C-alpha atoms as a PDB file:
ATOM      1  CA  UNK A   1      -3.964 -24.796 -12.276  1.00  0.00           C
ATOM      2  CA  UNK A   2      -1.031 -26.970 -13.260  1.00  0.00           C
ATOM      3  CA  UNK A   3       1.858 -27.859 -11.134  1.00  0.00           C
ATOM      4  CA  UNK A   4       4.646 -25.234 -10.311  1.00  0.00           C
ATOM      5  CA  UNK A   5       7.499 -25.549 -12.927  1.00  0.00           C
ATOM      6  CA  UNK A   6      11.011 -25.077 -11.586  1.00  0.00           C
ATOM      7  CA  UNK A   7      13.079 -23.625 -14.320  1.00  0.00           C
ATOM      8  CA  UNK A   8      16.336 -25.226 -15.547  1.00  0.00           C
ATOM      9  CA  UNK A   9      19.443 -23.105 -15.809  1.00  0.00           C
ATOM     10  CA  UNK A  10      18.944 -23.104 -19.688  1.00  0.00           C
ATOM     11  CA  UNK A  11      15.399 -21.977 -19.295  1.00  0.00           C
ATOM     12  CA  UNK A  12      16.514 -19.339 -16.811  1.00  0.00           C
ATOM     13  CA  UNK A  13      19.020 -17.934 -19.251  1.00  0.00           C
ATOM     14  CA  UNK A  14      16.272 -17.719 -21.876  1.00  0.00           C
ATOM     15  CA  UNK A  15      13.842 -15.923 -19.537  1.00  0.00           C
ATOM     16  CA  UNK A  16      16.573 -13.600 -18.546  1.00  0.00           C
ATOM     17  CA  UNK A  17      17.400 -12.771 -22.052  1.00  0.00           C
ATOM     18  CA  UNK A  18      13.626 -12.209 -22.680  1.00  0.00           C
ATOM     19  CA  UNK A  19      13.227 -10.048 -19.668  1.00  0.00           C
ATOM     20  CA  UNK A  20      16.265  -7.977 -20.723  1.00  0.00           C
ATOM     21  CA  UNK A  21      14.769  -7.398 -24.194  1.00  0.00           C
ATOM     22  CA  UNK A  22      11.456  -6.257 -22.657  1.00  0.00           C
ATOM     23  CA  UNK A  23      13.274  -3.787 -20.321  1.00  0.00           C
ATOM     24  CA  UNK A  24      14.747  -2.284 -23.571  1.00  0.00           C
ATOM     25  CA  UNK A  25      11.182  -1.820 -24.872  1.00  0.00           C
ATOM     26  CA  UNK A  26      10.235   0.128 -21.789  1.00  0.00           C
ATOM     27  CA  UNK A  27      13.551   2.234 -21.937  1.00  0.00           C
ATOM     28  CA  UNK A  28      12.618   3.214 -25.597  1.00  0.00           C
ATOM     29  CA  UNK A  29       8.942   3.812 -24.720  1.00  0.00           C
ATOM     30  CA  UNK A  30       9.856   6.275 -21.913  1.00  0.00           C
ATOM     31  CA  UNK A  31      10.589   8.799 -24.479  1.00  0.00           C
ATOM     32  CA  UNK A  32       7.364   8.541 -26.322  1.00  0.00           C
ATOM     33  CA  UNK A  33       4.801   8.752 -23.278  1.00  0.00           C
ATOM     34  CA  UNK A  34       3.722  12.341 -23.420  1.00  0.00           C
ATOM     35  CA  UNK A  35       0.631  14.439 -23.963  1.00  0.00           C
ATOM     36  CA  UNK A  36      -1.092  13.974 -27.439  1.00  0.00           C
ATOM     37  CA  UNK A  37       0.155  10.525 -28.032  1.00  0.00           C
ATOM     38  CA  UNK A  38      -2.446   7.784 -28.550  1.00  0.00           C
ATOM     39  CA  UNK A  39      -2.288   4.394 -27.037  1.00  0.00           C
ATOM     40  CA  UNK A  40      -3.102   2.849 -30.521  1.00  0.00           C
ATOM     41  CA  UNK A  41       0.037   4.487 -31.783  1.00  0.00           C
ATOM     42  CA  UNK A  42       2.028   3.145 -28.887  1.00  0.00           C
ATOM     43  CA  UNK A  43       0.630  -0.371 -29.507  1.00  0.00           C
ATOM     44  CA  UNK A  44       1.801  -0.049 -33.263  1.00  0.00           C
ATOM     45  CA  UNK A  45       5.141   1.111 -32.295  1.00  0.00           C
ATOM     46  CA  UNK A  46       5.721  -1.477 -29.616  1.00  0.00           C
ATOM     47  CA  UNK A  47       4.701  -4.369 -32.093  1.00  0.00           C
ATOM     48  CA  UNK A  48       7.054  -3.026 -34.665  1.00  0.00           C
ATOM     49  CA  UNK A  49       9.844  -2.677 -32.207  1.00  0.00           C
ATOM     50  CA  UNK A  50       9.464  -6.061 -30.641  1.00  0.00           C
ATOM     51  CA  UNK A  51       9.346  -7.900 -34.072  1.00  0.00           C
ATOM     52  CA  UNK A  52      11.829  -5.801 -36.172  1.00  0.00           C
ATOM     53  CA  UNK A  53      14.268  -4.351 -33.728  1.00  0.00           C
ATOM     54  CA  UNK A  54      14.470  -7.231 -31.069  1.00  0.00           C
ATOM     55  CA  UNK A  55      13.492 -10.182 -33.355  1.00  0.00           C
ATOM     56  CA  UNK A  56      11.004 -11.284 -30.700  1.00  0.00           C
ATOM     57  CA  UNK A  57       7.297 -11.902 -30.467  1.00  0.00           C
ATOM     58  CA  UNK A  58       4.592  -9.631 -28.671  1.00  0.00           C
ATOM     59  CA  UNK A  59       3.124 -12.478 -26.694  1.00  0.00           C
ATOM     60  CA  UNK A  60      -0.229 -10.734 -25.730  1.00  0.00           C
ATOM     61  CA  UNK A  61      -1.147 -10.434 -29.356  1.00  0.00           C
ATOM     62  CA  UNK A  62      -3.584 -13.330 -29.936  1.00  0.00           C
ATOM     63  CA  UNK A  63      -3.459 -14.719 -26.444  1.00  0.00           C
ATOM     64  CA  UNK A  64      -6.906 -15.762 -25.434  1.00  0.00           C
ATOM     65  CA  UNK A  65      -7.885 -13.900 -28.724  1.00  0.00           C
ATOM     66  CA  UNK A  66      -6.715 -10.682 -27.307  1.00  0.00           C
ATOM     67  CA  UNK A  67      -6.510  -8.241 -30.303  1.00  0.00           C
ATOM     68  CA  UNK A  68      -3.489  -5.982 -29.340  1.00  0.00           C
ATOM     69  CA  UNK A  69       0.168  -6.226 -28.518  1.00  0.00           C
ATOM     70  CA  UNK A  70      -0.270  -4.396 -25.128  1.00  0.00           C
ATOM     71  CA  UNK A  71      -2.793  -3.516 -22.507  1.00  0.00           C
ATOM     72  CA  UNK A  72      -3.262   0.359 -22.115  1.00  0.00           C
ATOM     73  CA  UNK A  73      -5.155   1.207 -18.942  1.00  0.00           C
ATOM     74  CA  UNK A  74      -5.663   4.924 -18.202  1.00  0.00           C
ATOM     75  CA  UNK A  75      -6.881   6.691 -15.014  1.00  0.00           C
ATOM     76  CA  UNK A  76      -9.859   4.636 -13.586  1.00  0.00           C
ATOM     77  CA  UNK A  77      -9.115   1.511 -15.855  1.00  0.00           C
ATOM     78  CA  UNK A  78      -7.483  -1.079 -13.670  1.00  0.00           C
ATOM     79  CA  UNK A  79      -6.162  -3.622 -16.200  1.00  0.00           C
ATOM     80  CA  UNK A  80      -6.698  -5.148 -19.731  1.00  0.00           C
ATOM     81  CA  UNK A  81      -7.508  -1.729 -21.333  1.00  0.00           C
ATOM     82  CA  UNK A  82      -7.643  -1.675 -25.116  1.00  0.00           C
ATOM     83  CA  UNK A  83      -5.372   0.764 -26.924  1.00  0.00           C
ATOM     84  CA  UNK A  84      -7.375   3.419 -28.449  1.00  0.00           C
ATOM     85  CA  UNK A  85      -7.110   6.629 -30.819  1.00  0.00           C
ATOM     86  CA  UNK A  86      -7.971   9.022 -27.940  1.00  0.00           C
ATOM     87  CA  UNK A  87      -4.934  11.231 -27.312  1.00  0.00           C
ATOM     88  CA  UNK A  88      -3.525  11.053 -23.781  1.00  0.00           C
ATOM     89  CA  UNK A  89      -4.090  14.412 -21.764  1.00  0.00           C
ATOM     90  CA  UNK A  90      -1.741  16.332 -19.529  1.00  0.00           C
ATOM     91  CA  UNK A  91      -2.399  14.852 -15.971  1.00  0.00           C
ATOM     92  CA  UNK A  92      -3.497  11.510 -17.102  1.00  0.00           C
ATOM     93  CA  UNK A  93      -1.972   8.408 -15.748  1.00  0.00           C
ATOM     94  CA  UNK A  94      -1.729   5.144 -17.744  1.00  0.00           C
ATOM     95  CA  UNK A  95      -0.396   1.743 -17.233  1.00  0.00           C
ATOM     96  CA  UNK A  96       1.378  -0.030 -20.159  1.00  0.00           C
ATOM     97  CA  UNK A  97       1.535  -3.748 -19.778  1.00  0.00           C
ATOM     98  CA  UNK A  98       3.624  -5.701 -22.351  1.00  0.00           C
ATOM     99  CA  UNK A  99       4.615  -9.279 -22.751  1.00  0.00           C
ATOM    100  CA  UNK A 100       7.527 -10.550 -24.939  1.00  0.00           C
ATOM    101  CA  UNK A 101       8.435 -13.924 -26.176  1.00  0.00           C
ATOM    102  CA  UNK A 102      11.937 -15.079 -27.206  1.00  0.00           C
ATOM    103  CA  UNK A 103      13.312 -18.608 -27.789  1.00  0.00           C
ATOM    104  CA  UNK A 104      10.133 -19.971 -26.407  1.00  0.00           C
ATOM    105  CA  UNK A 105      10.115 -18.154 -23.006  1.00  0.00           C
ATOM    106  CA  UNK A 106       7.917 -15.166 -21.986  1.00  0.00           C
ATOM    107  CA  UNK A 107       8.703 -11.980 -20.034  1.00  0.00           C
ATOM    108  CA  UNK A 108       5.847  -9.797 -18.547  1.00  0.00           C
ATOM    109  CA  UNK A 109       6.177  -6.326 -17.097  1.00  0.00           C
ATOM    110  CA  UNK A 110       4.103  -3.067 -16.705  1.00  0.00           C
ATOM    111  CA  UNK A 111       4.706   0.513 -15.850  1.00  0.00           C
ATOM    112  CA  UNK A 112       2.284   3.288 -14.901  1.00  0.00           C
ATOM    113  CA  UNK A 113       3.178   6.662 -16.693  1.00  0.00           C
ATOM    114  CA  UNK A 114       2.310  10.044 -15.403  1.00  0.00           C
ATOM    115  CA  UNK A 115       1.456  12.065 -18.504  1.00  0.00           C
ATOM    116  CA  UNK A 116       2.723  15.615 -18.500  1.00  0.00           C
ATOM    117  CA  UNK A 117       2.090  17.260 -15.036  1.00  0.00           C
ATOM    118  CA  UNK A 118       0.249  14.895 -12.885  1.00  0.00           C
ATOM    119  CA  UNK A 119      -1.748  16.062  -9.839  1.00  0.00           C
ATOM    120  CA  UNK A 120       0.030  15.479  -6.375  1.00  0.00           C
ATOM    121  CA  UNK A 121      -2.703  12.853  -5.688  1.00  0.00           C
ATOM    122  CA  UNK A 122      -2.186  10.906  -8.822  1.00  0.00           C
ATOM    123  CA  UNK A 123       1.603  11.023  -8.533  1.00  0.00           C
ATOM    124  CA  UNK A 124       1.321   9.859  -5.062  1.00  0.00           C
ATOM    125  CA  UNK A 125      -0.848   6.748  -5.955  1.00  0.00           C
ATOM    126  CA  UNK A 126       1.597   5.843  -8.762  1.00  0.00           C
ATOM    127  CA  UNK A 127       4.574   6.145  -6.449  1.00  0.00           C
ATOM    128  CA  UNK A 128       3.052   4.150  -3.654  1.00  0.00           C
ATOM    129  CA  UNK A 129       1.994   1.387  -6.049  1.00  0.00           C
ATOM    130  CA  UNK A 130       5.604   1.235  -7.317  1.00  0.00           C
ATOM    131  CA  UNK A 131       6.938   1.029  -3.733  1.00  0.00           C
ATOM    132  CA  UNK A 132       4.311  -1.546  -2.978  1.00  0.00           C
ATOM    133  CA  UNK A 133       5.546  -3.776  -5.823  1.00  0.00           C
ATOM    134  CA  UNK A 134       9.032  -3.455  -4.534  1.00  0.00           C
ATOM    135  CA  UNK A 135       7.954  -4.465  -0.937  1.00  0.00           C
ATOM    136  CA  UNK A 136       6.638  -7.569  -2.475  1.00  0.00           C
ATOM    137  CA  UNK A 137       9.766  -8.308  -4.371  1.00  0.00           C
ATOM    138  CA  UNK A 138      12.002  -7.887  -1.381  1.00  0.00           C
ATOM    139  CA  UNK A 139       9.858 -10.523   0.305  1.00  0.00           C
ATOM    140  CA  UNK A 140      10.927 -13.121  -2.338  1.00  0.00           C
ATOM    141  CA  UNK A 141      13.548 -15.661  -1.026  1.00  0.00           C
ATOM    142  CA  UNK A 142      13.747 -19.518  -0.508  1.00  0.00           C
ATOM    143  CA  UNK A 143      11.604 -20.425   2.489  1.00  0.00           C
ATOM    144  CA  UNK A 144       9.392 -17.467   2.273  1.00  0.00           C
ATOM    145  CA  UNK A 145       5.823 -17.862   1.078  1.00  0.00           C
ATOM    146  CA  UNK A 146       3.464 -16.339  -1.275  1.00  0.00           C
ATOM    147  CA  UNK A 147       1.639 -15.096   1.728  1.00  0.00           C
ATOM    148  CA  UNK A 148       4.606 -13.022   2.670  1.00  0.00           C
ATOM    149  CA  UNK A 149       4.623 -11.394  -0.658  1.00  0.00           C
ATOM    150  CA  UNK A 150       0.906 -10.644  -0.483  1.00  0.00           C
ATOM    151  CA  UNK A 151       1.113  -9.345   3.053  1.00  0.00           C
ATOM    152  CA  UNK A 152       4.102  -6.990   2.377  1.00  0.00           C
ATOM    153  CA  UNK A 153       2.030  -5.460  -0.539  1.00  0.00           C
ATOM    154  CA  UNK A 154      -1.300  -5.046   1.155  1.00  0.00           C
ATOM    155  CA  UNK A 155       0.013  -3.792   4.400  1.00  0.00           C
ATOM    156  CA  UNK A 156       1.923  -1.034   2.658  1.00  0.00           C
ATOM    157  CA  UNK A 157      -0.954  -0.019   0.585  1.00  0.00           C
ATOM    158  CA  UNK A 158      -3.259   0.134   3.539  1.00  0.00           C
ATOM    159  CA  UNK A 159      -0.767   2.124   5.595  1.00  0.00           C
ATOM    160  CA  UNK A 160      -1.009   4.711   2.821  1.00  0.00           C
ATOM    161  CA  UNK A 161      -4.804   4.732   2.698  1.00  0.00           C
ATOM    162  CA  UNK A 162      -5.223   2.692  -0.551  1.00  0.00           C
ATOM    163  CA  UNK A 163      -6.941  -0.492  -1.391  1.00  0.00           C
ATOM    164  CA  UNK A 164      -5.537  -3.664  -3.232  1.00  0.00           C
ATOM    165  CA  UNK A 165      -7.519  -5.228  -6.145  1.00  0.00           C
ATOM    166  CA  UNK A 166      -8.413  -8.710  -5.285  1.00  0.00           C
ATOM    167  CA  UNK A 167      -9.884  -9.889  -8.478  1.00  0.00           C
ATOM    168  CA  UNK A 168      -6.732 -10.192 -10.339  1.00  0.00           C
ATOM    169  CA  UNK A 169      -3.258 -11.462  -9.307  1.00  0.00           C
ATOM    170  CA  UNK A 170       0.382 -12.281 -10.422  1.00  0.00           C
ATOM    171  CA  UNK A 171       1.062 -15.651 -11.934  1.00  0.00           C
ATOM    172  CA  UNK A 172       3.797 -18.129 -12.655  1.00  0.00           C
ATOM    173  CA  UNK A 173       5.307 -17.528 -16.153  1.00  0.00           C
ATOM    174  CA  UNK A 174       7.768 -19.444 -18.565  1.00  0.00           C
ATOM    175  CA  UNK A 175       6.954 -21.221 -21.690  1.00  0.00           C
ATOM    176  CA  UNK A 176       3.216 -20.360 -21.077  1.00  0.00           C
ATOM    177  CA  UNK A 177       2.195 -16.731 -19.994  1.00  0.00           C
ATOM    178  CA  UNK A 178       0.220 -18.009 -17.213  1.00  0.00           C
ATOM    179  CA  UNK A 179       1.366 -20.836 -15.055  1.00  0.00           C
ATOM    180  CA  UNK A 180       1.110 -22.059 -11.488  1.00  0.00           C
ATOM    181  CA  UNK A 181       1.099 -20.405  -9.079  1.00  0.00           C
ATOM    182  CA  UNK A 182      -1.262 -17.544  -8.496  1.00  0.00           C
ATOM    183  CA  UNK A 183       0.474 -14.718  -6.736  1.00  0.00           C
ATOM    184  CA  UNK A 184      -2.026 -12.858  -4.669  1.00  0.00           C
ATOM    185  CA  UNK A 185      -1.217  -9.148  -3.652  1.00  0.00           C
ATOM    186  CA  UNK A 186      -2.613  -9.882  -0.170  1.00  0.00           C
ATOM    187  CA  UNK A 187      -2.355 -12.629   2.336  1.00  0.00           C
ATOM    188  CA  UNK A 188      -1.093 -13.704   5.617  1.00  0.00           C
ATOM    189  CA  UNK A 189       2.836 -14.077   6.688  1.00  0.00           C
ATOM    190  CA  UNK A 190       3.986 -17.626   6.509  1.00  0.00           C
ATOM    191  CA  UNK A 191       0.782 -18.871   4.545  1.00  0.00           C
ATOM    192  CA  UNK A 192       0.628 -20.305   1.066  1.00  0.00           C
ATOM    193  CA  UNK A 193       3.166 -22.073  -1.244  1.00  0.00           C
ATOM    194  CA  UNK A 194       6.858 -21.944  -0.006  1.00  0.00           C
ATOM    195  CA  UNK A 195       9.126 -20.432  -2.476  1.00  0.00           C
ATOM    196  CA  UNK A 196      11.954 -22.573  -3.975  1.00  0.00           C
ATOM    197  CA  UNK A 197      14.834 -21.663  -6.305  1.00  0.00           C
ATOM    198  CA  UNK A 198      13.823 -21.890  -9.928  1.00  0.00           C
ATOM    199  CA  UNK A 199      10.315 -20.595  -9.504  1.00  0.00           C
ATOM    200  CA  UNK A 200       9.539 -17.571 -11.805  1.00  0.00           C
ATOM    201  CA  UNK A 201       6.404 -15.535 -11.489  1.00  0.00           C
ATOM    202  CA  UNK A 202       5.089 -12.031 -11.763  1.00  0.00           C
ATOM    203  CA  UNK A 203       4.340  -9.524  -9.052  1.00  0.00           C
ATOM    204  CA  UNK A 204       1.813  -6.897 -10.269  1.00  0.00           C
ATOM    205  CA  UNK A 205      -0.107  -5.163  -7.703  1.00  0.00           C
ATOM    206  CA  UNK A 206      -3.108  -3.065  -8.718  1.00  0.00           C
ATOM    207  CA  UNK A 207      -3.836  -0.504  -6.155  1.00  0.00           C
ATOM    208  CA  UNK A 208      -6.827   1.861  -6.137  1.00  0.00           C
ATOM    209  CA  UNK A 209      -7.521   5.378  -4.474  1.00  0.00           C
ATOM    210  CA  UNK A 210     -10.972   4.219  -3.399  1.00  0.00           C
ATOM    211  CA  UNK A 211     -12.691   0.997  -3.111  1.00  0.00           C
ATOM    212  CA  UNK A 212     -11.061  -2.265  -4.353  1.00  0.00           C
ATOM    213  CA  UNK A 213     -14.363  -3.223  -6.178  1.00  0.00           C
ATOM    214  CA  UNK A 214     -14.011  -3.578  -9.937  1.00  0.00           C
ATOM    215  CA  UNK A 215     -16.180  -4.277 -12.897  1.00  0.00           C
ATOM    216  CA  UNK A 216     -15.630  -5.529 -16.484  1.00  0.00           C
ATOM    217  CA  UNK A 217     -16.932  -3.455 -19.400  1.00  0.00           C
ATOM    218  CA  UNK A 218     -18.966  -4.960 -22.378  1.00  0.00           C
ATOM    219  CA  UNK A 219     -15.831  -5.687 -24.471  1.00  0.00           C
ATOM    220  CA  UNK A 220     -15.280  -8.365 -21.818  1.00  0.00           C
ATOM    221  CA  UNK A 221     -11.574  -7.221 -21.390  1.00  0.00           C
ATOM    222  CA  UNK A 222     -11.543  -3.685 -19.829  1.00  0.00           C
ATOM    223  CA  UNK A 223     -11.699  -3.728 -16.025  1.00  0.00           C
ATOM    224  CA  UNK A 224     -12.374  -0.454 -14.237  1.00  0.00           C
ATOM    225  CA  UNK A 225     -12.835   0.702 -10.648  1.00  0.00           C
ATOM    226  CA  UNK A 226     -16.520   0.612  -9.704  1.00  0.00           C
ATOM    227  CA  UNK A 227     -16.373   4.183  -8.069  1.00  0.00           C
ATOM    228  CA  UNK A 228     -14.401   5.592 -11.035  1.00  0.00           C
ATOM    229  CA  UNK A 229     -11.465   6.564  -8.864  1.00  0.00           C
ATOM    230  CA  UNK A 230      -7.852   6.121 -10.007  1.00  0.00           C
ATOM    231  CA  UNK A 231      -6.048   2.865 -10.270  1.00  0.00           C
ATOM    232  CA  UNK A 232      -2.310   2.210 -10.728  1.00  0.00           C
ATOM    233  CA  UNK A 233      -0.244  -0.839 -11.419  1.00  0.00           C
ATOM    234  CA  UNK A 234       3.460  -1.884 -11.827  1.00  0.00           C
ATOM    235  CA  UNK A 235       4.652  -5.298 -12.697  1.00  0.00           C
ATOM    236  CA  UNK A 236       7.899  -7.304 -12.867  1.00  0.00           C
ATOM    237  CA  UNK A 237       8.822 -10.800 -13.706  1.00  0.00           C
ATOM    238  CA  UNK A 238      11.045 -12.352 -10.968  1.00  0.00           C
ATOM    239  CA  UNK A 239      13.218 -15.523 -10.301  1.00  0.00           C
ATOM    240  CA  UNK A 240      13.534 -17.101  -6.918  1.00  0.00           C
ATOM    241  CA  UNK A 241      17.280 -17.730  -6.511  1.00  0.00           C
ATOM    242  CA  UNK A 242      19.397 -19.773  -4.061  1.00  0.00           C
ATOM    243  CA  UNK A 243      19.956 -16.579  -1.978  1.00  0.00           C
ATOM    244  CA  UNK A 244      17.006 -14.326  -2.878  1.00  0.00           C
ATOM    245  CA  UNK A 245      15.430 -12.762  -6.007  1.00  0.00           C
ATOM    246  CA  UNK A 246      16.484 -11.779  -9.301  1.00  0.00           C
ATOM    247  CA  UNK A 247      14.238  -9.396 -11.296  1.00  0.00           C
ATOM    248  CA  UNK A 248      14.266 -10.557 -14.762  1.00  0.00           C
ATOM    249  CA  UNK A 249      12.630  -7.520 -16.294  1.00  0.00           C
ATOM    250  CA  UNK A 250      14.585  -5.049 -14.209  1.00  0.00           C
ATOM    251  CA  UNK A 251      15.248  -1.716 -16.009  1.00  0.00           C
ATOM    252  CA  UNK A 252      18.761   0.026 -15.939  1.00  0.00           C
ATOM    253  CA  UNK A 253      17.545   2.906 -13.635  1.00  0.00           C
ATOM    254  CA  UNK A 254      16.108   0.329 -11.082  1.00  0.00           C
ATOM    255  CA  UNK A 255      19.419  -1.371 -10.331  1.00  0.00           C
ATOM    256  CA  UNK A 256      19.953   0.407  -6.953  1.00  0.00           C
ATOM    257  CA  UNK A 257      16.536  -0.856  -5.767  1.00  0.00           C
ATOM    258  CA  UNK A 258      17.658  -4.569  -5.470  1.00  0.00           C
END
């Protein structure tokens, strides 16, 4: 992988703007995630909103020949799920992963939705995964390492009886969707690349109810849990600042968490 790119003040401002636009997409999407909706319809709406309301580009569409504007990963799908015409059912969970490019810079974020009335077990998995992501975010500051981030996430998941998917990870981001470094969601404190101001990357843990083992379906994109148990994921794009961390894709309701 290429060298880590430290972003200039101008690049940071552009990434901040892209992140704010992506947060608006999720705020609007929150009102649409309900039983009976199809992820194909959500994909169509997201593409229209990004292009026509925000004047931006859905960055996932066409990336590595991916044919949609978002990933929709329900229940035992870990990541990279295709949007479909199957209606979401009451009790489903589904991760919606969206990227957006504006003025040449990309923001990347995802959220796992509970559709209708989720079971206690499903809701707990979603909540713990969200908290695990924030454990990783709070480990971001100059002088800490990527290993500190991964350890914070994995330790919290293990404490709650879950496994962390090791086959996929976060990544640097900027003018390219995937830049250096790889951001693993497991690791040892003090190990790995040291964090420096100007680094931008995603933190996006995938956490499973059962085994961490995954497999990829015949479409060569959709990744599922080997044991068919549930998986959840949350993601934010973050910036290492002089004093700590800025979440570039922060949604308004999350402000108290920083």
